[in-house]
Amino acid sequence: MDLRIDGKSAIVCGASRGLGRACAEALAGEGALVTLVARRLQPLQIVADRIAGAGGRRPAIVAADVATAEGRAAVKAASAETDILVTNAGGPPAKDFTELTLGDWERALETNFLSAVEMIRVFAPSMSKRRWGRIVNITSATVRMPVERLDLSTSARLALTGYVAGVARQIAKDGVTINNLLPGTVMTERLAELGATAQALIARVPAGRAGKPEEVGAACAFLCSEQAGFITGQSLLVDGGLCALTI
């Protein structure tokens, strides 16, 4: 399927590894002009080399932390307008709920909620003016199925889900969509580091395996496509059937 995003500009946050990298590679594979954003420069350069080596246009790079005002300003300065925005940030640490401090909550909300809200606030208006735009937030299956010790992640990402539900419907008339991708047990670097714990998590997946980052990337690319223009305000599980829900 031709997703009809060849030549569209795209900003992908957290693009140096894992799901962010997979989304960047999928969009570049469809011909999008990608800007890679993450905190460290060297890993971004490696991803840019991978994309260029695979025949895609070489991405631009912005080494910045979008959880800070300075980082978001750097992204805006490098790409004042964009057709596609993918927000993505690593999850906060796992802790027992009784151990969570106010500082833990503030950092989680800044990284996994407010940074995405601010990026949407910065870039959505220009999409509305141009009458086309796609925004995808990479969140987590925990917003549909809470997991013990992941209360920070679940709560911050549920806040983003609620925000998107309202804002997506305000700008749908402008040809701009906002959706969330909810990955489950996907074989990223973070999961691989868990060793035996990772195997226990994978064993719970009805599909009988962990997901592949490129499967999440493909779902992201589709939500950014011309064909997905009538899909907005939705949260799409990419979890191999892990969340046992009827709707």
C-alpha atoms as a PDB file:
ATOM      1  CA  MET A   1       0.000   0.000   0.000  1.00  0.00           C
ATOM      2  CA  ASP A   2       1.261   3.446  -0.913  1.00  0.00           C
ATOM      3  CA  LEU A   3       0.670   5.497   2.245  1.00  0.00           C
ATOM      4  CA  ARG A   4       0.956   8.737   0.242  1.00  0.00           C
ATOM      5  CA  ILE A   5       3.309  10.481   2.646  1.00  0.00           C
ATOM      6  CA  ASP A   6       6.261  10.722   0.274  1.00  0.00           C
ATOM      7  CA  GLY A   7       7.808  14.153   0.786  1.00  0.00           C
ATOM      8  CA  LYS A   8       5.887  14.865   3.988  1.00  0.00           C
ATOM      9  CA  SER A   9       7.983  16.240   6.838  1.00  0.00           C
ATOM     10  CA  ALA A  10       8.056  14.273  10.090  1.00  0.00           C
ATOM     11  CA  ILE A  11       9.469  14.820  13.582  1.00  0.00           C
ATOM     12  CA  VAL A  12      10.064  11.669  15.610  1.00  0.00           C
ATOM     13  CA  CYS A  13      10.934  11.999  19.298  1.00  0.00           C
ATOM     14  CA  GLY A  14      12.953   9.401  21.164  1.00  0.00           C
ATOM     15  CA  ALA A  15      14.272   8.278  17.782  1.00  0.00           C
ATOM     16  CA  SER A  16      17.681   7.015  18.866  1.00  0.00           C
ATOM     17  CA  ARG A  17      16.508   3.531  19.824  1.00  0.00           C
ATOM     18  CA  GLY A  18      13.598   1.164  20.306  1.00  0.00           C
ATOM     19  CA  LEU A  19      10.132   2.150  19.181  1.00  0.00           C
ATOM     20  CA  GLY A  20      11.086   5.697  18.230  1.00  0.00           C
ATOM     21  CA  ARG A  21      13.770   4.422  15.875  1.00  0.00           C
ATOM     22  CA  ALA A  22      11.336   1.899  14.396  1.00  0.00           C
ATOM     23  CA  CYS A  23       8.786   4.640  13.728  1.00  0.00           C
ATOM     24  CA  ALA A  24      11.426   6.865  12.138  1.00  0.00           C
ATOM     25  CA  GLU A  25      12.614   4.051   9.894  1.00  0.00           C
ATOM     26  CA  ALA A  26       9.055   3.176   8.839  1.00  0.00           C
ATOM     27  CA  LEU A  27       8.233   6.774   7.959  1.00  0.00           C
ATOM     28  CA  ALA A  28      11.511   7.226   6.089  1.00  0.00           C
ATOM     29  CA  GLY A  29      10.796   4.005   4.212  1.00  0.00           C
ATOM     30  CA  GLU A  30       7.586   5.622   2.950  1.00  0.00           C
ATOM     31  CA  GLY A  31       9.516   8.638   1.692  1.00  0.00           C
ATOM     32  CA  ALA A  32       8.899  11.043   4.564  1.00  0.00           C
ATOM     33  CA  LEU A  33      11.531  13.674   5.346  1.00  0.00           C
ATOM     34  CA  VAL A  34      12.323  12.736   8.920  1.00  0.00           C
ATOM     35  CA  THR A  35      13.874  14.790  11.703  1.00  0.00           C
ATOM     36  CA  LEU A  36      15.265  12.556  14.443  1.00  0.00           C
ATOM     37  CA  VAL A  37      15.065  13.885  18.010  1.00  0.00           C
ATOM     38  CA  ALA A  38      16.658  12.438  21.151  1.00  0.00           C
ATOM     39  CA  ARG A  39      18.945  13.613  23.936  1.00  0.00           C
ATOM     40  CA  ARG A  40      22.223  12.142  22.673  1.00  0.00           C
ATOM     41  CA  LEU A  41      23.842  13.000  19.353  1.00  0.00           C
ATOM     42  CA  GLN A  42      25.877   9.887  18.579  1.00  0.00           C
ATOM     43  CA  PRO A  43      23.005   7.362  18.656  1.00  0.00           C
ATOM     44  CA  LEU A  44      21.000   9.691  16.412  1.00  0.00           C
ATOM     45  CA  GLN A  45      23.835   9.744  13.910  1.00  0.00           C
ATOM     46  CA  ILE A  46      23.836   5.943  13.855  1.00  0.00           C
ATOM     47  CA  VAL A  47      20.097   5.873  13.109  1.00  0.00           C
ATOM     48  CA  ALA A  48      20.533   8.488  10.389  1.00  0.00           C
ATOM     49  CA  ASP A  49      23.241   6.322   8.824  1.00  0.00           C
ATOM     50  CA  ARG A  50      20.935   3.263   8.954  1.00  0.00           C
ATOM     51  CA  ILE A  51      18.134   5.113   7.209  1.00  0.00           C
ATOM     52  CA  ALA A  52      20.420   6.584   4.548  1.00  0.00           C
ATOM     53  CA  GLY A  53      22.072   3.190   4.046  1.00  0.00           C
ATOM     54  CA  ALA A  54      18.673   1.602   3.450  1.00  0.00           C
ATOM     55  CA  GLY A  55      18.007   4.020   0.614  1.00  0.00           C
ATOM     56  CA  GLY A  56      15.985   6.632   2.460  1.00  0.00           C
ATOM     57  CA  ARG A  57      16.626  10.347   2.511  1.00  0.00           C
ATOM     58  CA  ARG A  58      19.170  11.176   5.196  1.00  0.00           C
ATOM     59  CA  PRO A  59      17.283  12.506   8.223  1.00  0.00           C
ATOM     60  CA  ALA A  60      17.992  15.760  10.003  1.00  0.00           C
ATOM     61  CA  ILE A  61      19.087  15.445  13.626  1.00  0.00           C
ATOM     62  CA  VAL A  62      18.232  17.436  16.749  1.00  0.00           C
ATOM     63  CA  ALA A  63      19.942  16.410  19.979  1.00  0.00           C
ATOM     64  CA  ALA A  64      17.558  17.803  22.604  1.00  0.00           C
ATOM     65  CA  ASP A  65      15.466  16.773  25.597  1.00  0.00           C
ATOM     66  CA  VAL A  66      11.841  17.591  24.738  1.00  0.00           C
ATOM     67  CA  ALA A  67      10.919  17.220  28.407  1.00  0.00           C
ATOM     68  CA  THR A  68      12.485  20.676  28.813  1.00  0.00           C
ATOM     69  CA  ALA A  69      11.411  24.025  27.382  1.00  0.00           C
ATOM     70  CA  GLU A  70      14.893  24.483  25.935  1.00  0.00           C
ATOM     71  CA  GLY A  71      14.730  21.151  24.160  1.00  0.00           C
ATOM     72  CA  ARG A  72      11.338  21.862  22.642  1.00  0.00           C
ATOM     73  CA  ALA A  73      12.573  25.264  21.475  1.00  0.00           C
ATOM     74  CA  ALA A  74      15.531  23.574  19.759  1.00  0.00           C
ATOM     75  CA  VAL A  75      13.190  21.241  17.876  1.00  0.00           C
ATOM     76  CA  LYS A  76      10.966  24.119  16.819  1.00  0.00           C
ATOM     77  CA  ALA A  77      13.973  26.128  15.671  1.00  0.00           C
ATOM     78  CA  ALA A  78      15.160  23.239  13.513  1.00  0.00           C
ATOM     79  CA  SER A  79      11.725  22.503  12.053  1.00  0.00           C
ATOM     80  CA  ALA A  80       9.200  25.261  12.595  1.00  0.00           C
ATOM     81  CA  GLU A  81       6.505  23.388  10.670  1.00  0.00           C
ATOM     82  CA  THR A  82       5.934  19.684  10.213  1.00  0.00           C
ATOM     83  CA  ASP A  83       3.284  17.471   8.677  1.00  0.00           C
ATOM     84  CA  ILE A  84       3.802  14.545  11.063  1.00  0.00           C
ATOM     85  CA  LEU A  85       4.690  14.507  14.747  1.00  0.00           C
ATOM     86  CA  VAL A  86       5.478  11.350  16.694  1.00  0.00           C
ATOM     87  CA  THR A  87       5.874  11.862  20.436  1.00  0.00           C
ATOM     88  CA  ASN A  88       7.694   9.166  22.352  1.00  0.00           C
ATOM     89  CA  ALA A  89       9.551   8.939  25.658  1.00  0.00           C
ATOM     90  CA  GLY A  90      10.893   6.125  27.781  1.00  0.00           C
ATOM     91  CA  GLY A  91       8.789   5.044  30.707  1.00  0.00           C
ATOM     92  CA  PRO A  92       9.466   6.173  34.273  1.00  0.00           C
ATOM     93  CA  PRO A  93      11.011   3.741  36.772  1.00  0.00           C
ATOM     94  CA  ALA A  94       8.987   0.897  38.241  1.00  0.00           C
ATOM     95  CA  LYS A  95       8.301   1.420  41.951  1.00  0.00           C
ATOM     96  CA  ASP A  96       5.880   0.297  44.611  1.00  0.00           C
ATOM     97  CA  PHE A  97       3.143   2.927  44.930  1.00  0.00           C
ATOM     98  CA  THR A  98       4.028   3.494  48.599  1.00  0.00           C
ATOM     99  CA  GLU A  99       7.548   4.578  47.609  1.00  0.00           C
ATOM    100  CA  LEU A 100       6.535   7.200  45.063  1.00  0.00           C
ATOM    101  CA  THR A 101       7.498  10.755  45.951  1.00  0.00           C
ATOM    102  CA  LEU A 102       6.192  14.062  44.670  1.00  0.00           C
ATOM    103  CA  GLY A 103       9.416  14.380  42.695  1.00  0.00           C
ATOM    104  CA  ASP A 104       8.753  11.025  41.011  1.00  0.00           C
ATOM    105  CA  TRP A 105       5.308  12.209  39.959  1.00  0.00           C
ATOM    106  CA  GLU A 106       6.577  15.543  38.687  1.00  0.00           C
ATOM    107  CA  ARG A 107       9.268  13.909  36.537  1.00  0.00           C
ATOM    108  CA  ALA A 108       6.842  11.322  35.152  1.00  0.00           C
ATOM    109  CA  LEU A 109       4.260  13.934  34.258  1.00  0.00           C
ATOM    110  CA  GLU A 110       6.874  16.184  32.646  1.00  0.00           C
ATOM    111  CA  THR A 111       8.347  13.371  30.555  1.00  0.00           C
ATOM    112  CA  ASN A 112       5.313  11.274  29.653  1.00  0.00           C
ATOM    113  CA  PHE A 113       2.509  13.839  29.621  1.00  0.00           C
ATOM    114  CA  LEU A 114       3.479  17.495  29.520  1.00  0.00           C
ATOM    115  CA  SER A 115       6.274  17.125  26.952  1.00  0.00           C
ATOM    116  CA  ALA A 116       3.809  15.586  24.459  1.00  0.00           C
ATOM    117  CA  VAL A 117       1.172  18.202  25.285  1.00  0.00           C
ATOM    118  CA  GLU A 118       3.649  20.990  24.630  1.00  0.00           C
ATOM    119  CA  MET A 119       4.883  19.467  21.376  1.00  0.00           C
ATOM    120  CA  ILE A 120       1.287  19.176  20.194  1.00  0.00           C
ATOM    121  CA  ARG A 121       0.600  22.773  21.227  1.00  0.00           C
ATOM    122  CA  VAL A 122       3.631  23.971  19.267  1.00  0.00           C
ATOM    123  CA  PHE A 123       3.065  22.068  16.025  1.00  0.00           C
ATOM    124  CA  ALA A 124      -0.682  21.398  15.709  1.00  0.00           C
ATOM    125  CA  PRO A 125      -1.717  24.994  14.859  1.00  0.00           C
ATOM    126  CA  SER A 126       0.450  25.125  11.728  1.00  0.00           C
ATOM    127  CA  MET A 127      -0.959  21.726  10.678  1.00  0.00           C
ATOM    128  CA  SER A 128      -4.458  23.153  11.046  1.00  0.00           C
ATOM    129  CA  LYS A 129      -3.557  26.163   8.920  1.00  0.00           C
ATOM    130  CA  ARG A 130      -2.235  23.886   6.162  1.00  0.00           C
ATOM    131  CA  ARG A 131      -5.317  21.626   6.510  1.00  0.00           C
ATOM    132  CA  TRP A 132      -3.313  18.419   6.959  1.00  0.00           C
ATOM    133  CA  GLY A 133      -1.442  16.808   9.816  1.00  0.00           C
ATOM    134  CA  ARG A 134      -0.828  13.576  11.671  1.00  0.00           C
ATOM    135  CA  ILE A 135       0.143  13.253  15.335  1.00  0.00           C
ATOM    136  CA  VAL A 136       0.879   9.885  16.930  1.00  0.00           C
ATOM    137  CA  ASN A 137       1.766   9.421  20.592  1.00  0.00           C
ATOM    138  CA  ILE A 138       3.594   6.252  21.619  1.00  0.00           C
ATOM    139  CA  THR A 139       2.199   5.412  25.043  1.00  0.00           C
ATOM    140  CA  SER A 140       1.697   1.941  26.558  1.00  0.00           C
ATOM    141  CA  ALA A 141      -0.746  -0.944  26.856  1.00  0.00           C
ATOM    142  CA  THR A 142      -0.776  -0.193  30.595  1.00  0.00           C
ATOM    143  CA  VAL A 143      -3.384   2.513  29.968  1.00  0.00           C
ATOM    144  CA  ARG A 144      -5.789  -0.327  29.138  1.00  0.00           C
ATOM    145  CA  MET A 145      -4.405  -2.899  31.565  1.00  0.00           C
ATOM    146  CA  PRO A 146      -2.558  -1.491  34.616  1.00  0.00           C
ATOM    147  CA  VAL A 147       0.561  -3.343  35.699  1.00  0.00           C
ATOM    148  CA  GLU A 148       1.835  -3.531  39.269  1.00  0.00           C
ATOM    149  CA  ARG A 149       4.673  -1.052  40.027  1.00  0.00           C
ATOM    150  CA  LEU A 150       4.016   0.917  36.828  1.00  0.00           C
ATOM    151  CA  ASP A 151       1.644   3.456  38.387  1.00  0.00           C
ATOM    152  CA  LEU A 152       3.755   6.413  37.233  1.00  0.00           C
ATOM    153  CA  SER A 153       3.638   5.274  33.620  1.00  0.00           C
ATOM    154  CA  THR A 154      -0.034   4.346  33.676  1.00  0.00           C
ATOM    155  CA  SER A 155      -1.187   7.591  35.259  1.00  0.00           C
ATOM    156  CA  ALA A 156       0.893   9.965  33.137  1.00  0.00           C
ATOM    157  CA  ARG A 157      -0.099   8.222  29.929  1.00  0.00           C
ATOM    158  CA  LEU A 158      -3.760   8.106  30.911  1.00  0.00           C
ATOM    159  CA  ALA A 159      -3.561  11.874  31.331  1.00  0.00           C
ATOM    160  CA  LEU A 160      -2.247  12.140  27.773  1.00  0.00           C
ATOM    161  CA  THR A 161      -4.995   9.809  26.544  1.00  0.00           C
ATOM    162  CA  GLY A 162      -7.633  12.075  28.071  1.00  0.00           C
ATOM    163  CA  TYR A 163      -6.014  15.168  26.595  1.00  0.00           C
ATOM    164  CA  VAL A 164      -5.908  13.628  23.127  1.00  0.00           C
ATOM    165  CA  ALA A 165      -9.564  12.558  23.343  1.00  0.00           C
ATOM    166  CA  GLY A 166     -10.627  16.173  23.602  1.00  0.00           C
ATOM    167  CA  VAL A 167      -8.092  17.961  21.410  1.00  0.00           C
ATOM    168  CA  ALA A 168      -8.313  15.462  18.536  1.00  0.00           C
ATOM    169  CA  ARG A 169     -11.978  16.273  18.084  1.00  0.00           C
ATOM    170  CA  GLN A 170     -11.347  20.013  18.113  1.00  0.00           C
ATOM    171  CA  ILE A 171      -8.968  19.907  15.151  1.00  0.00           C
ATOM    172  CA  ALA A 172     -10.418  17.004  13.156  1.00  0.00           C
ATOM    173  CA  LYS A 173     -12.240  19.475  10.909  1.00  0.00           C
ATOM    174  CA  ASP A 174      -8.846  20.850   9.870  1.00  0.00           C
ATOM    175  CA  GLY A 175      -7.658  17.534   8.457  1.00  0.00           C
ATOM    176  CA  VAL A 176      -5.421  16.902  11.478  1.00  0.00           C
ATOM    177  CA  THR A 177      -5.595  13.610  13.363  1.00  0.00           C
ATOM    178  CA  ILE A 178      -4.191  12.659  16.759  1.00  0.00           C
ATOM    179  CA  ASN A 179      -3.977   9.031  17.828  1.00  0.00           C
ATOM    180  CA  ASN A 180      -2.149   6.939  20.411  1.00  0.00           C
ATOM    181  CA  LEU A 181      -0.216   3.727  19.843  1.00  0.00           C
ATOM    182  CA  LEU A 182      -0.252   1.347  22.825  1.00  0.00           C
ATOM    183  CA  PRO A 183       2.579  -1.190  22.505  1.00  0.00           C
ATOM    184  CA  GLY A 184       2.546  -4.243  24.719  1.00  0.00           C
ATOM    185  CA  THR A 185       5.474  -6.629  25.170  1.00  0.00           C
ATOM    186  CA  VAL A 186       7.780  -5.568  22.348  1.00  0.00           C
ATOM    187  CA  MET A 187      11.389  -6.728  22.016  1.00  0.00           C
ATOM    188  CA  THR A 188      13.164  -3.435  22.537  1.00  0.00           C
ATOM    189  CA  GLU A 189      16.520  -2.947  24.220  1.00  0.00           C
ATOM    190  CA  ARG A 190      14.722  -2.260  27.497  1.00  0.00           C
ATOM    191  CA  LEU A 191      12.843  -5.562  27.406  1.00  0.00           C
ATOM    192  CA  ALA A 192      15.941  -7.524  26.440  1.00  0.00           C
ATOM    193  CA  GLU A 193      17.731  -6.173  29.491  1.00  0.00           C
ATOM    194  CA  LEU A 194      15.148  -7.830  31.780  1.00  0.00           C
ATOM    195  CA  GLY A 195      16.420 -11.359  31.060  1.00  0.00           C
ATOM    196  CA  ALA A 196      14.275 -13.997  32.778  1.00  0.00           C
ATOM    197  CA  THR A 197      11.638 -11.403  33.616  1.00  0.00           C
ATOM    198  CA  ALA A 198      11.274 -10.659  29.918  1.00  0.00           C
ATOM    199  CA  GLN A 199      10.657 -14.328  29.179  1.00  0.00           C
ATOM    200  CA  ALA A 200       7.900 -14.409  31.796  1.00  0.00           C
ATOM    201  CA  LEU A 201       6.274 -11.369  30.197  1.00  0.00           C
ATOM    202  CA  ILE A 202       6.503 -12.856  26.734  1.00  0.00           C
ATOM    203  CA  ALA A 203       4.916 -16.103  27.955  1.00  0.00           C
ATOM    204  CA  ARG A 204       1.726 -14.166  28.778  1.00  0.00           C
ATOM    205  CA  VAL A 205       1.263 -12.901  25.200  1.00  0.00           C
ATOM    206  CA  PRO A 206      -1.447 -14.878  23.352  1.00  0.00           C
ATOM    207  CA  ALA A 207       0.487 -14.519  20.083  1.00  0.00           C
ATOM    208  CA  GLY A 208       3.222 -16.625  21.704  1.00  0.00           C
ATOM    209  CA  ARG A 209       6.027 -14.159  21.094  1.00  0.00           C
ATOM    210  CA  ALA A 210       7.183 -10.636  21.749  1.00  0.00           C
ATOM    211  CA  GLY A 211       6.285  -7.969  19.265  1.00  0.00           C
ATOM    212  CA  LYS A 212       8.845  -6.581  16.862  1.00  0.00           C
ATOM    213  CA  PRO A 213       9.667  -2.861  16.940  1.00  0.00           C
ATOM    214  CA  GLU A 214       9.076  -2.690  13.197  1.00  0.00           C
ATOM    215  CA  GLU A 215       5.487  -3.871  13.752  1.00  0.00           C
ATOM    216  CA  VAL A 216       4.885  -0.843  15.948  1.00  0.00           C
ATOM    217  CA  GLY A 217       6.653   1.300  13.349  1.00  0.00           C
ATOM    218  CA  ALA A 218       4.368   0.001  10.604  1.00  0.00           C
ATOM    219  CA  ALA A 219       1.276   0.799  12.685  1.00  0.00           C
ATOM    220  CA  CYS A 220       2.624   4.296  13.275  1.00  0.00           C
ATOM    221  CA  ALA A 221       3.261   4.820   9.571  1.00  0.00           C
ATOM    222  CA  PHE A 222      -0.283   3.750   8.744  1.00  0.00           C
ATOM    223  CA  LEU A 223      -1.796   6.182  11.270  1.00  0.00           C
ATOM    224  CA  CYS A 224       0.286   8.886   9.578  1.00  0.00           C
ATOM    225  CA  SER A 225      -0.975   7.963   6.128  1.00  0.00           C
ATOM    226  CA  GLU A 226      -3.437   9.680   3.856  1.00  0.00           C
ATOM    227  CA  GLN A 227      -5.681   6.627   4.159  1.00  0.00           C
ATOM    228  CA  ALA A 228      -5.975   7.050   7.949  1.00  0.00           C
ATOM    229  CA  GLY A 229      -7.507  10.498   7.700  1.00  0.00           C
ATOM    230  CA  PHE A 230     -10.835   9.325   9.185  1.00  0.00           C
ATOM    231  CA  ILE A 231      -9.197   7.796  12.286  1.00  0.00           C
ATOM    232  CA  THR A 232      -8.687  10.214  15.154  1.00  0.00           C
ATOM    233  CA  GLY A 233      -8.851  10.313  18.940  1.00  0.00           C
ATOM    234  CA  GLN A 234      -8.164   6.571  19.090  1.00  0.00           C
ATOM    235  CA  SER A 235      -5.804   4.354  21.099  1.00  0.00           C
ATOM    236  CA  LEU A 236      -4.564   1.379  19.097  1.00  0.00           C
ATOM    237  CA  LEU A 237      -3.199  -1.631  20.962  1.00  0.00           C
ATOM    238  CA  VAL A 238      -0.215  -3.369  19.363  1.00  0.00           C
ATOM    239  CA  ASP A 239       0.103  -6.158  21.910  1.00  0.00           C
ATOM    240  CA  GLY A 240      -0.423  -9.583  20.344  1.00  0.00           C
ATOM    241  CA  GLY A 241      -3.768  -9.927  22.145  1.00  0.00           C
ATOM    242  CA  LEU A 242      -2.323  -9.349  25.629  1.00  0.00           C
ATOM    243  CA  CYS A 243      -5.071  -7.013  26.818  1.00  0.00           C
ATOM    244  CA  ALA A 244      -8.175  -9.205  27.027  1.00  0.00           C
ATOM    245  CA  LEU A 245     -10.792  -6.612  26.110  1.00  0.00           C
ATOM    246  CA  THR A 246     -14.000  -6.815  24.099  1.00  0.00           C
ATOM    247  CA  ILE A 247     -14.002  -3.170  22.995  1.00  0.00           C
END
